[in-house]
Amino acid sequence: MKYPKYGHAYATDYGARWTRHGLLTRKQAVGLAEQRDHALEKLYNPELFEKNEFGQWGLKKQFIEERRNPKW
């Protein structure tokens, strides 16, 4: 669930913990991370993230599917 080598934010960290403790499903935790993470503009890697029409940063579409369905 965390972005390997690219860092992560609080929602990802908490989502991972809550999933391990059975408080959330993995799908719920990924949704939480997608909504809440990445609010610091200067820390974004533009190769991985893009702004949407509302000015919110998000993982590029090509990486979303990889995050939801890891190959391991």
Protein backbone atom coordinates (compact mmCIF):
# COMPACT_ATOMS: atom_id res chain seq x y z
CA MET A 1 0.00 0.00 0.00
CA LYS A 2 2.86 2.44 0.63
CA TYR A 3 4.71 3.88 -2.30
CA PRO A 4 8.05 2.03 -2.32
CA LYS A 5 10.98 4.45 -2.61
CA TYR A 6 8.62 7.41 -3.04
CA GLY A 7 7.54 7.98 0.53
CA HIS A 8 4.08 8.00 2.02
CA ALA A 9 1.89 10.25 4.08
CA TYR A 10 -0.09 9.87 7.27
CA ALA A 11 -3.27 8.45 5.73
CA THR A 12 -1.28 5.64 4.11
CA ASP A 13 0.52 4.89 7.35
CA TYR A 14 -2.63 4.88 9.46
CA GLY A 15 -4.56 2.93 6.83
CA ALA A 16 -1.89 0.23 6.82
CA ARG A 17 -1.97 -0.01 10.62
CA TRP A 18 -5.76 -0.09 10.81
CA THR A 19 -5.84 -2.79 8.13
CA ARG A 20 -3.36 -4.93 10.10
CA HIS A 21 -5.52 -4.56 13.20
CA GLY A 22 -8.71 -5.45 11.32
CA LEU A 23 -10.33 -2.02 11.59
CA LEU A 24 -10.42 -1.43 7.81
CA THR A 25 -10.31 -3.59 4.72
CA ARG A 26 -7.41 -3.07 2.33
CA LYS A 27 -9.82 -1.55 -0.19
CA GLN A 28 -11.06 0.98 2.39
CA ALA A 29 -7.48 1.85 3.38
CA VAL A 30 -6.45 2.44 -0.25
CA GLY A 31 -9.48 4.69 -0.69
CA LEU A 32 -8.58 6.63 2.44
CA ALA A 33 -5.00 7.09 1.26
CA GLU A 34 -6.15 8.21 -2.20
CA GLN A 35 -8.40 10.85 -0.65
CA ARG A 36 -6.18 12.15 2.12
CA ASP A 37 -2.51 11.71 1.24
CA HIS A 38 -0.26 14.08 -0.62
CA ALA A 39 -1.23 17.56 0.43
CA LEU A 40 2.31 19.07 0.35
CA GLU A 41 2.90 20.40 -3.14
CA LYS A 42 6.67 20.86 -3.05
CA LEU A 43 7.23 17.20 -2.17
CA TYR A 44 5.48 15.74 -5.22
CA ASN A 45 7.38 13.83 -7.84
CA PRO A 46 5.79 15.00 -11.12
CA GLU A 47 6.79 11.72 -12.76
CA LEU A 48 4.41 9.91 -10.39
CA PHE A 49 1.76 12.49 -9.47
CA GLU A 50 -0.46 14.96 -11.31
CA LYS A 51 -3.00 17.62 -10.39
CA ASN A 52 -6.62 17.10 -11.31
CA GLU A 53 -9.01 19.80 -12.51
CA PHE A 54 -9.67 20.81 -8.89
CA GLY A 55 -5.97 21.35 -8.10
CA GLN A 56 -5.67 18.21 -5.99
CA TRP A 57 -2.61 16.00 -6.31
CA GLY A 58 -3.10 12.34 -7.07
CA LEU A 59 -1.17 9.34 -8.26
CA LYS A 60 -1.09 9.15 -12.06
CA LYS A 61 -3.64 6.77 -13.52
CA GLN A 62 -0.98 4.38 -14.80
CA PHE A 63 0.17 3.75 -11.22
CA ILE A 64 -3.28 3.50 -9.61
CA GLU A 65 -3.96 0.04 -11.04
CA GLU A 66 -0.52 -1.16 -9.90
CA ARG A 67 -1.29 0.07 -6.39
CA ARG A 68 -4.70 -1.55 -6.25
CA ASN A 69 -3.54 -4.87 -7.70
CA PRO A 70 0.11 -5.47 -6.80
CA LYS A 71 1.86 -8.20 -8.79
CA TRP A 72 3.32 -9.92 -5.73
